[in-house]
PDB file of N, CA and C in Angstrom:
ATOM      1  N   UNK A   1     -26.442  48.387  -5.741  1.00  0.00           N
ATOM      2  CA  UNK A   1     -25.916  50.243  -6.050  1.00  0.00           C
ATOM      3  C   UNK A   1     -26.983  50.570  -4.926  1.00  0.00           C
ATOM      4  N   UNK A   2     -26.013  51.058  -4.104  1.00  0.00           N
ATOM      5  CA  UNK A   2     -26.489  51.738  -3.111  1.00  0.00           C
ATOM      6  C   UNK A   2     -26.208  52.812  -2.636  1.00  0.00           C
ATOM      7  N   UNK A   3     -27.033  54.023  -2.564  1.00  0.00           N
ATOM      8  CA  UNK A   3     -26.684  55.602  -2.391  1.00  0.00           C
ATOM      9  C   UNK A   3     -26.677  55.596  -0.500  1.00  0.00           C
ATOM     10  N   UNK A   4     -25.552  56.151  -0.403  1.00  0.00           N
ATOM     11  CA  UNK A   4     -25.247  56.769   1.407  1.00  0.00           C
ATOM     12  C   UNK A   4     -25.447  58.297   0.808  1.00  0.00           C
ATOM     13  N   UNK A   5     -25.644  58.575   2.458  1.00  0.00           N
ATOM     14  CA  UNK A   5     -26.201  60.127   2.802  1.00  0.00           C
ATOM     15  C   UNK A   5     -24.305  60.302   3.564  1.00  0.00           C
ATOM     16  N   UNK A   6     -23.716  61.376   3.549  1.00  0.00           N
ATOM     17  CA  UNK A   6     -22.691  61.447   4.295  1.00  0.00           C
ATOM     18  C   UNK A   6     -22.692  62.864   4.633  1.00  0.00           C
ATOM     19  N   UNK A   7     -22.884  63.737   6.037  1.00  0.00           N
ATOM     20  CA  UNK A   7     -23.201  64.946   6.153  1.00  0.00           C
ATOM     21  C   UNK A   7     -22.250  65.041   7.084  1.00  0.00           C
ATOM     22  N   UNK A   8     -22.157  66.385   7.447  1.00  0.00           N
ATOM     23  CA  UNK A   8     -21.577  66.962   9.005  1.00  0.00           C
ATOM     24  C   UNK A   8     -19.742  67.091   7.954  1.00  0.00           C
ATOM     25  N   UNK A   9     -19.399  67.047   7.178  1.00  0.00           N
ATOM     26  CA  UNK A   9     -18.276  67.206   6.407  1.00  0.00           C
ATOM     27  C   UNK A   9     -17.784  68.959   6.579  1.00  0.00           C
ATOM     28  N   UNK A  10     -16.346  68.800   6.190  1.00  0.00           N
ATOM     29  CA  UNK A  10     -16.284  69.908   6.545  1.00  0.00           C
ATOM     30  C   UNK A  10     -15.758  70.642   4.723  1.00  0.00           C
ATOM     31  N   UNK A  11     -15.736  71.596   5.086  1.00  0.00           N
ATOM     32  CA  UNK A  11     -16.167  72.559   3.768  1.00  0.00           C
ATOM     33  C   UNK A  11     -14.641  72.668   3.180  1.00  0.00           C
ATOM     34  N   UNK A  12     -13.580  72.321   3.672  1.00  0.00           N
ATOM     35  CA  UNK A  12     -12.683  72.436   2.756  1.00  0.00           C
ATOM     36  C   UNK A  12     -12.473  70.595   1.603  1.00  0.00           C
ATOM     37  N   UNK A  13     -13.265  69.623   1.748  1.00  0.00           N
ATOM     38  CA  UNK A  13     -13.374  68.392   1.848  1.00  0.00           C
ATOM     39  C   UNK A  13     -13.249  68.083  -0.126  1.00  0.00           C
ATOM     40  N   UNK A  14     -12.798  67.396  -0.321  1.00  0.00           N
ATOM     41  CA  UNK A  14     -12.877  67.118  -2.027  1.00  0.00           C
ATOM     42  C   UNK A  14     -14.056  65.839  -2.543  1.00  0.00           C
ATOM     43  N   UNK A  15     -13.888  65.553  -3.707  1.00  0.00           N
ATOM     44  CA  UNK A  15     -14.722  64.905  -4.202  1.00  0.00           C
ATOM     45  C   UNK A  15     -13.594  63.484  -4.093  1.00  0.00           C
ATOM     46  N   UNK A  16     -12.225  63.780  -4.140  1.00  0.00           N
ATOM     47  CA  UNK A  16     -11.063  62.891  -3.976  1.00  0.00           C
ATOM     48  C   UNK A  16     -10.573  62.590  -2.642  1.00  0.00           C
ATOM     49  N   UNK A  17     -10.938  63.129  -1.720  1.00  0.00           N
ATOM     50  CA  UNK A  17     -10.753  62.816  -0.533  1.00  0.00           C
ATOM     51  C   UNK A  17     -11.727  61.384  -0.063  1.00  0.00           C
ATOM     52  N   UNK A  18     -13.056  62.406  -0.492  1.00  0.00           N
ATOM     53  CA  UNK A  18     -14.154  61.411   0.206  1.00  0.00           C
ATOM     54  C   UNK A  18     -14.335  59.989  -0.888  1.00  0.00           C
ATOM     55  N   UNK A  19     -13.645  60.354  -2.288  1.00  0.00           N
ATOM     56  CA  UNK A  19     -13.510  58.942  -2.291  1.00  0.00           C
ATOM     57  C   UNK A  19     -12.206  58.144  -1.673  1.00  0.00           C
ATOM     58  N   UNK A  20     -11.081  58.700  -1.716  1.00  0.00           N
ATOM     59  CA  UNK A  20     -10.115  57.923  -0.831  1.00  0.00           C
ATOM     60  C   UNK A  20     -11.143  57.154   0.332  1.00  0.00           C
ATOM     61  N   UNK A  21     -11.497  57.643   1.148  1.00  0.00           N
ATOM     62  CA  UNK A  21     -11.801  57.160   2.387  1.00  0.00           C
ATOM     63  C   UNK A  21     -12.837  56.477   2.069  1.00  0.00           C
ATOM     64  N   UNK A  22     -13.991  56.181   1.638  1.00  0.00           N
ATOM     65  CA  UNK A  22     -15.207  55.149   1.246  1.00  0.00           C
ATOM     66  C   UNK A  22     -14.112  54.105   0.334  1.00  0.00           C
ATOM     67  N   UNK A  23     -12.924  54.204  -0.247  1.00  0.00           N
ATOM     68  CA  UNK A  23     -12.976  52.508  -1.091  1.00  0.00           C
ATOM     69  C   UNK A  23     -11.992  51.937  -0.384  1.00  0.00           C
ATOM     70  N   UNK A  24     -11.656  52.812   0.938  1.00  0.00           N
ATOM     71  CA  UNK A  24     -10.992  51.223   2.112  1.00  0.00           C
ATOM     72  C   UNK A  24     -12.104  49.828   2.147  1.00  0.00           C
ATOM     73  N   UNK A  25     -13.549  50.497   1.761  1.00  0.00           N
ATOM     74  CA  UNK A  25     -14.119  49.973   1.995  1.00  0.00           C
ATOM     75  C   UNK A  25     -14.949  48.683   0.657  1.00  0.00           C
ATOM     76  N   UNK A  26     -14.863  49.627  -0.636  1.00  0.00           N
ATOM     77  CA  UNK A  26     -15.321  48.915  -1.622  1.00  0.00           C
ATOM     78  C   UNK A  26     -14.962  49.828  -2.735  1.00  0.00           C
ATOM     79  N   UNK A  27     -15.408  49.662  -3.930  1.00  0.00           N
ATOM     80  CA  UNK A  27     -15.862  50.342  -5.168  1.00  0.00           C
ATOM     81  C   UNK A  27     -16.946  51.210  -5.200  1.00  0.00           C
ATOM     82  N   UNK A  28     -16.284  52.677  -5.237  1.00  0.00           N
ATOM     83  CA  UNK A  28     -16.950  54.036  -5.314  1.00  0.00           C
ATOM     84  C   UNK A  28     -17.484  54.056  -6.731  1.00  0.00           C
ATOM     85  N   UNK A  29     -19.001  54.084  -6.791  1.00  0.00           N
ATOM     86  CA  UNK A  29     -18.641  54.421  -8.361  1.00  0.00           C
ATOM     87  C   UNK A  29     -18.827  55.956  -8.709  1.00  0.00           C
ATOM     88  N   UNK A  30     -19.718  56.708  -7.476  1.00  0.00           N
ATOM     89  CA  UNK A  30     -19.659  58.228  -7.895  1.00  0.00           C
ATOM     90  C   UNK A  30     -19.946  58.954  -6.413  1.00  0.00           C
ATOM     91  N   UNK A  31     -19.553  59.865  -6.599  1.00  0.00           N
ATOM     92  CA  UNK A  31     -18.912  60.983  -5.124  1.00  0.00           C
ATOM     93  C   UNK A  31     -19.984  62.284  -5.938  1.00  0.00           C
ATOM     94  N   UNK A  32     -20.995  62.574  -5.330  1.00  0.00           N
ATOM     95  CA  UNK A  32     -21.362  63.956  -5.319  1.00  0.00           C
ATOM     96  C   UNK A  32     -21.741  65.252  -4.170  1.00  0.00           C
ATOM     97  N   UNK A  33     -20.489  65.648  -4.497  1.00  0.00           N
ATOM     98  CA  UNK A  33     -21.017  66.697  -2.895  1.00  0.00           C
ATOM     99  C   UNK A  33     -21.639  67.886  -3.786  1.00  0.00           C
ATOM    100  N   UNK A  34     -22.907  67.935  -2.462  1.00  0.00           N
ATOM    101  CA  UNK A  34     -24.166  68.966  -2.834  1.00  0.00           C
ATOM    102  C   UNK A  34     -23.858  70.365  -2.633  1.00  0.00           C
ATOM    103  N   UNK A  35     -23.658  71.236  -3.638  1.00  0.00           N
ATOM    104  CA  UNK A  35     -23.755  72.675  -3.542  1.00  0.00           C
ATOM    105  C   UNK A  35     -24.546  73.345  -3.523  1.00  0.00           C
ATOM    106  N   UNK A  36     -24.574  74.680  -3.162  1.00  0.00           N
ATOM    107  CA  UNK A  36     -26.080  75.912  -3.014  1.00  0.00           C
ATOM    108  C   UNK A  36     -26.084  76.110  -4.240  1.00  0.00           C
ATOM    109  N   UNK A  37     -27.643  76.233  -4.851  1.00  0.00           N
ATOM    110  CA  UNK A  37     -27.654  76.573  -6.151  1.00  0.00           C
ATOM    111  C   UNK A  37     -27.529  78.453  -6.636  1.00  0.00           C
ATOM    112  N   UNK A  38     -28.214  79.181  -5.068  1.00  0.00           N
ATOM    113  CA  UNK A  38     -27.630  79.758  -5.255  1.00  0.00           C
ATOM    114  C   UNK A  38     -25.875  80.734  -5.280  1.00  0.00           C
ATOM    115  N   UNK A  39     -25.335  80.704  -4.329  1.00  0.00           N
ATOM    116  CA  UNK A  39     -23.627  80.788  -4.156  1.00  0.00           C
ATOM    117  C   UNK A  39     -22.766  79.366  -4.921  1.00  0.00           C
ATOM    118  N   UNK A  40     -23.366  78.537  -5.117  1.00  0.00           N
ATOM    119  CA  UNK A  40     -22.437  77.266  -5.642  1.00  0.00           C
ATOM    120  C   UNK A  40     -21.041  76.876  -4.195  1.00  0.00           C
ATOM    121  N   UNK A  41     -21.559  77.209  -3.198  1.00  0.00           N
ATOM    122  CA  UNK A  41     -20.859  77.110  -2.315  1.00  0.00           C
ATOM    123  C   UNK A  41     -21.104  75.591  -1.510  1.00  0.00           C
ATOM    124  N   UNK A  42     -20.416  74.561  -1.504  1.00  0.00           N
ATOM    125  CA  UNK A  42     -19.993  73.344  -0.660  1.00  0.00           C
ATOM    126  C   UNK A  42     -21.312  73.398   0.402  1.00  0.00           C
ATOM    127  N   UNK A  43     -22.129  72.102   0.482  1.00  0.00           N
ATOM    128  CA  UNK A  43     -23.329  72.652   1.807  1.00  0.00           C
ATOM    129  C   UNK A  43     -23.160  71.975   3.346  1.00  0.00           C
ATOM    130  N   UNK A  44     -21.718  70.885   2.732  1.00  0.00           N
ATOM    131  CA  UNK A  44     -21.411  70.474   4.158  1.00  0.00           C
ATOM    132  C   UNK A  44     -22.277  68.475   4.123  1.00  0.00           C
ATOM    133  N   UNK A  45     -22.438  68.496   2.761  1.00  0.00           N
ATOM    134  CA  UNK A  45     -22.871  66.632   2.820  1.00  0.00           C
ATOM    135  C   UNK A  45     -22.529  66.261   1.493  1.00  0.00           C
ATOM    136  N   UNK A  46     -22.722  64.837   0.998  1.00  0.00           N
ATOM    137  CA  UNK A  46     -22.364  64.417   0.046  1.00  0.00           C
ATOM    138  C   UNK A  46     -22.724  63.436  -0.082  1.00  0.00           C
ATOM    139  N   UNK A  47     -23.331  62.789  -1.347  1.00  0.00           N
ATOM    140  CA  UNK A  47     -24.142  61.624  -2.040  1.00  0.00           C
ATOM    141  C   UNK A  47     -22.826  60.552  -2.694  1.00  0.00           C
ATOM    142  N   UNK A  48     -22.563  59.375  -1.933  1.00  0.00           N
ATOM    143  CA  UNK A  48     -22.135  58.578  -2.708  1.00  0.00           C
ATOM    144  C   UNK A  48     -22.391  56.814  -3.433  1.00  0.00           C
ATOM    145  N   UNK A  49     -22.174  56.582  -4.462  1.00  0.00           N
ATOM    146  CA  UNK A  49     -23.258  55.632  -4.762  1.00  0.00           C
ATOM    147  C   UNK A  49     -22.295  54.446  -4.843  1.00  0.00           C
ATOM    148  N   UNK A  50     -22.174  52.749  -3.549  1.00  0.00           N
ATOM    149  CA  UNK A  50     -21.236  51.644  -4.005  1.00  0.00           C
ATOM    150  C   UNK A  50     -22.272  50.495  -4.014  1.00  0.00           C
ATOM    151  N   UNK A  51     -21.336  49.400  -4.197  1.00  0.00           N
ATOM    152  CA  UNK A  51     -22.500  48.203  -4.344  1.00  0.00           C
ATOM    153  C   UNK A  51     -22.748  48.181  -3.260  1.00  0.00           C
ATOM    154  N   UNK A  52     -23.964  47.026  -2.717  1.00  0.00           N
ATOM    155  CA  UNK A  52     -24.858  47.206  -1.487  1.00  0.00           C
ATOM    156  C   UNK A  52     -23.833  46.419  -0.259  1.00  0.00           C
ATOM    157  N   UNK A  53     -23.191  45.250  -0.562  1.00  0.00           N
ATOM    158  CA  UNK A  53     -22.371  45.299   0.142  1.00  0.00           C
ATOM    159  C   UNK A  53     -21.104  45.911   1.039  1.00  0.00           C
ATOM    160  N   UNK A  54     -20.607  46.741  -0.225  1.00  0.00           N
ATOM    161  CA  UNK A  54     -20.032  47.570   0.054  1.00  0.00           C
ATOM    162  C   UNK A  54     -20.095  48.642   0.841  1.00  0.00           C
ATOM    163  N   UNK A  55     -21.470  49.379   1.097  1.00  0.00           N
ATOM    164  CA  UNK A  55     -22.001  50.234   1.420  1.00  0.00           C
ATOM    165  C   UNK A  55     -22.284  49.962   2.886  1.00  0.00           C
ATOM    166  N   UNK A  56     -22.793  48.494   2.780  1.00  0.00           N
ATOM    167  CA  UNK A  56     -22.845  48.217   4.080  1.00  0.00           C
ATOM    168  C   UNK A  56     -21.561  48.175   5.296  1.00  0.00           C
ATOM    169  N   UNK A  57     -20.923  47.809   4.560  1.00  0.00           N
ATOM    170  CA  UNK A  57     -19.411  48.191   5.586  1.00  0.00           C
ATOM    171  C   UNK A  57     -19.186  49.381   5.484  1.00  0.00           C
ATOM    172  N   UNK A  58     -18.960  50.089   4.697  1.00  0.00           N
ATOM    173  CA  UNK A  58     -18.747  51.381   4.831  1.00  0.00           C
ATOM    174  C   UNK A  58     -19.398  52.296   5.623  1.00  0.00           C
ATOM    175  N   UNK A  59     -21.005  52.330   5.841  1.00  0.00           N
ATOM    176  CA  UNK A  59     -21.754  52.647   6.846  1.00  0.00           C
ATOM    177  C   UNK A  59     -21.342  52.469   8.063  1.00  0.00           C
ATOM    178  N   UNK A  60     -21.183  50.913   8.389  1.00  0.00           N
ATOM    179  CA  UNK A  60     -20.683  50.371   9.980  1.00  0.00           C
ATOM    180  C   UNK A  60     -19.681  50.979  10.233  1.00  0.00           C
ATOM    181  N   UNK A  61     -18.568  50.876   9.735  1.00  0.00           N
ATOM    182  CA  UNK A  61     -17.019  51.472   9.633  1.00  0.00           C
ATOM    183  C   UNK A  61     -17.252  53.246   9.713  1.00  0.00           C
ATOM    184  N   UNK A  62     -17.948  53.747   9.199  1.00  0.00           N
ATOM    185  CA  UNK A  62     -17.425  54.896   9.127  1.00  0.00           C
ATOM    186  C   UNK A  62     -18.214  56.094   9.816  1.00  0.00           C
ATOM    187  N   UNK A  63     -19.502  55.390   9.700  1.00  0.00           N
ATOM    188  CA  UNK A  63     -20.812  56.288  10.902  1.00  0.00           C
ATOM    189  C   UNK A  63     -20.110  57.319  12.245  1.00  0.00           C
ATOM    190  N   UNK A  64     -20.480  58.426  12.326  1.00  0.00           N
ATOM    191  CA  UNK A  64     -19.700  58.561  13.766  1.00  0.00           C
ATOM    192  C   UNK A  64     -18.432  58.624  13.877  1.00  0.00           C
ATOM    193  N   UNK A  65     -17.054  59.252  12.677  1.00  0.00           N
ATOM    194  CA  UNK A  65     -16.008  58.642  12.620  1.00  0.00           C
ATOM    195  C   UNK A  65     -15.871  60.038  12.690  1.00  0.00           C
ATOM    196  N   UNK A  66     -14.374  60.939  12.921  1.00  0.00           N
ATOM    197  CA  UNK A  66     -13.558  61.472  12.517  1.00  0.00           C
ATOM    198  C   UNK A  66     -13.069  61.703  11.097  1.00  0.00           C
ATOM    199  N   UNK A  67     -13.035  62.473  10.373  1.00  0.00           N
ATOM    200  CA  UNK A  67     -12.890  62.688   8.881  1.00  0.00           C
ATOM    201  C   UNK A  67     -12.642  64.278   8.832  1.00  0.00           C
ATOM    202  N   UNK A  68     -11.513  64.551   8.118  1.00  0.00           N
ATOM    203  CA  UNK A  68     -10.975  66.006   8.206  1.00  0.00           C
ATOM    204  C   UNK A  68     -11.390  66.801   9.061  1.00  0.00           C
ATOM    205  N   UNK A  69     -11.152  66.082  10.818  1.00  0.00           N
ATOM    206  CA  UNK A  69     -12.108  67.032  11.866  1.00  0.00           C
ATOM    207  C   UNK A  69     -12.891  67.435  12.430  1.00  0.00           C
ATOM    208  N   UNK A  70     -13.768  66.587  11.694  1.00  0.00           N
ATOM    209  CA  UNK A  70     -15.214  66.726  12.104  1.00  0.00           C
ATOM    210  C   UNK A  70     -15.499  65.202  12.096  1.00  0.00           C
ATOM    211  N   UNK A  71     -16.625  65.144  12.886  1.00  0.00           N
ATOM    212  CA  UNK A  71     -17.494  63.562  13.550  1.00  0.00           C
ATOM    213  C   UNK A  71     -18.718  63.677  12.172  1.00  0.00           C
ATOM    214  N   UNK A  72     -17.981  62.917  11.347  1.00  0.00           N
ATOM    215  CA  UNK A  72     -19.661  62.814   9.969  1.00  0.00           C
ATOM    216  C   UNK A  72     -20.716  61.379  10.498  1.00  0.00           C
ATOM    217  N   UNK A  73     -21.290  61.652   9.599  1.00  0.00           N
ATOM    218  CA  UNK A  73     -22.949  61.089   9.710  1.00  0.00           C
ATOM    219  C   UNK A  73     -22.684  59.851   8.144  1.00  0.00           C
ATOM    220  N   UNK A  74     -22.941  59.203   8.363  1.00  0.00           N
ATOM    221  CA  UNK A  74     -22.818  58.236   7.230  1.00  0.00           C
ATOM    222  C   UNK A  74     -24.032  57.514   7.505  1.00  0.00           C
ATOM    223  N   UNK A  75     -25.008  57.020   6.734  1.00  0.00           N
ATOM    224  CA  UNK A  75     -26.151  56.380   6.791  1.00  0.00           C
ATOM    225  C   UNK A  75     -26.958  55.903   5.548  1.00  0.00           C
ATOM    226  N   UNK A  76     -27.831  55.014   5.362  1.00  0.00           N
ATOM    227  CA  UNK A  76     -28.309  54.814   3.568  1.00  0.00           C
ATOM    228  C   UNK A  76     -29.082  56.273   3.379  1.00  0.00           C
ATOM    229  N   UNK A  77     -29.076  56.679   2.035  1.00  0.00           N
ATOM    230  CA  UNK A  77     -29.663  57.741   1.657  1.00  0.00           C
ATOM    231  C   UNK A  77     -31.403  57.380   1.765  1.00  0.00           C
ATOM    232  N   UNK A  78     -32.313  58.607   2.419  1.00  0.00           N
ATOM    233  CA  UNK A  78     -33.223  58.730   1.974  1.00  0.00           C
ATOM    234  C   UNK A  78     -33.788  59.132   0.434  1.00  0.00           C
ATOM    235  N   UNK A  79     -34.659  57.408   0.200  1.00  0.00           N
ATOM    236  CA  UNK A  79     -34.725  58.077  -1.452  1.00  0.00           C
ATOM    237  C   UNK A  79     -36.135  58.693  -1.506  1.00  0.00           C
ATOM    238  N   UNK A  80     -36.761  59.515  -0.823  1.00  0.00           N
ATOM    239  CA  UNK A  80     -37.828  60.119  -0.865  1.00  0.00           C
ATOM    240  C   UNK A  80     -38.079  61.060  -2.234  1.00  0.00           C
ATOM    241  N   UNK A  81     -39.281  61.050  -2.503  1.00  0.00           N
ATOM    242  CA  UNK A  81     -39.428  61.943  -3.868  1.00  0.00           C
ATOM    243  C   UNK A  81     -38.894  63.152  -3.278  1.00  0.00           C
ATOM    244  N   UNK A  82     -38.153  64.061  -4.093  1.00  0.00           N
ATOM    245  CA  UNK A  82     -37.925  65.135  -4.583  1.00  0.00           C
ATOM    246  C   UNK A  82     -39.724  66.439  -4.243  1.00  0.00           C
ATOM    247  N   UNK A  83     -38.903  67.023  -2.898  1.00  0.00           N
ATOM    248  CA  UNK A  83     -40.359  68.316  -2.539  1.00  0.00           C
ATOM    249  C   UNK A  83     -40.247  69.244  -3.934  1.00  0.00           C
ATOM    250  N   UNK A  84     -41.581  69.680  -4.156  1.00  0.00           N
ATOM    251  CA  UNK A  84     -41.262  70.794  -5.134  1.00  0.00           C
ATOM    252  C   UNK A  84     -41.389  72.215  -4.541  1.00  0.00           C
ATOM    253  N   UNK A  85     -40.775  72.744  -5.128  1.00  0.00           N
ATOM    254  CA  UNK A  85     -40.363  74.287  -4.451  1.00  0.00           C
ATOM    255  C   UNK A  85     -41.432  74.993  -4.600  1.00  0.00           C
ATOM    256  N   UNK A  86     -41.433  76.051  -3.440  1.00  0.00           N
ATOM    257  CA  UNK A  86     -42.281  76.908  -3.967  1.00  0.00           C
ATOM    258  C   UNK A  86     -43.037  77.697  -4.373  1.00  0.00           C
ATOM    259  N   UNK A  87     -42.204  77.942  -5.256  1.00  0.00           N
ATOM    260  CA  UNK A  87     -42.297  78.375  -6.465  1.00  0.00           C
ATOM    261  C   UNK A  87     -42.586  77.478  -7.656  1.00  0.00           C
ATOM    262  N   UNK A  88     -42.899  75.980  -7.929  1.00  0.00           N
ATOM    263  CA  UNK A  88     -43.152  75.359  -8.548  1.00  0.00           C
ATOM    264  C   UNK A  88     -44.621  74.851  -8.179  1.00  0.00           C
ATOM    265  N   UNK A  89     -45.167  75.070  -7.043  1.00  0.00           N
ATOM    266  CA  UNK A  89     -46.391  74.374  -6.486  1.00  0.00           C
ATOM    267  C   UNK A  89     -47.602  76.092  -7.618  1.00  0.00           C
TER     268      UNK A  89
END
């Protein structure tokens, strides 16, 4: 399973519209639209889980393409450890 980062998304996209786009390249296990903790508003990026081979094809075909009126960034997600919030330090 590979996690994909998708950035520069239009604020009006839905999980279903993103899933539909990526499903052209294989089975999409999950789509997580990232929302602001304080306001609950969509932040313009998401993470997608797909099989390794399918994710490679999706990244290759969709990076720097137009979706919902914007040029999207599609790349492997950086699996760094989460940084501690200042309040947790």
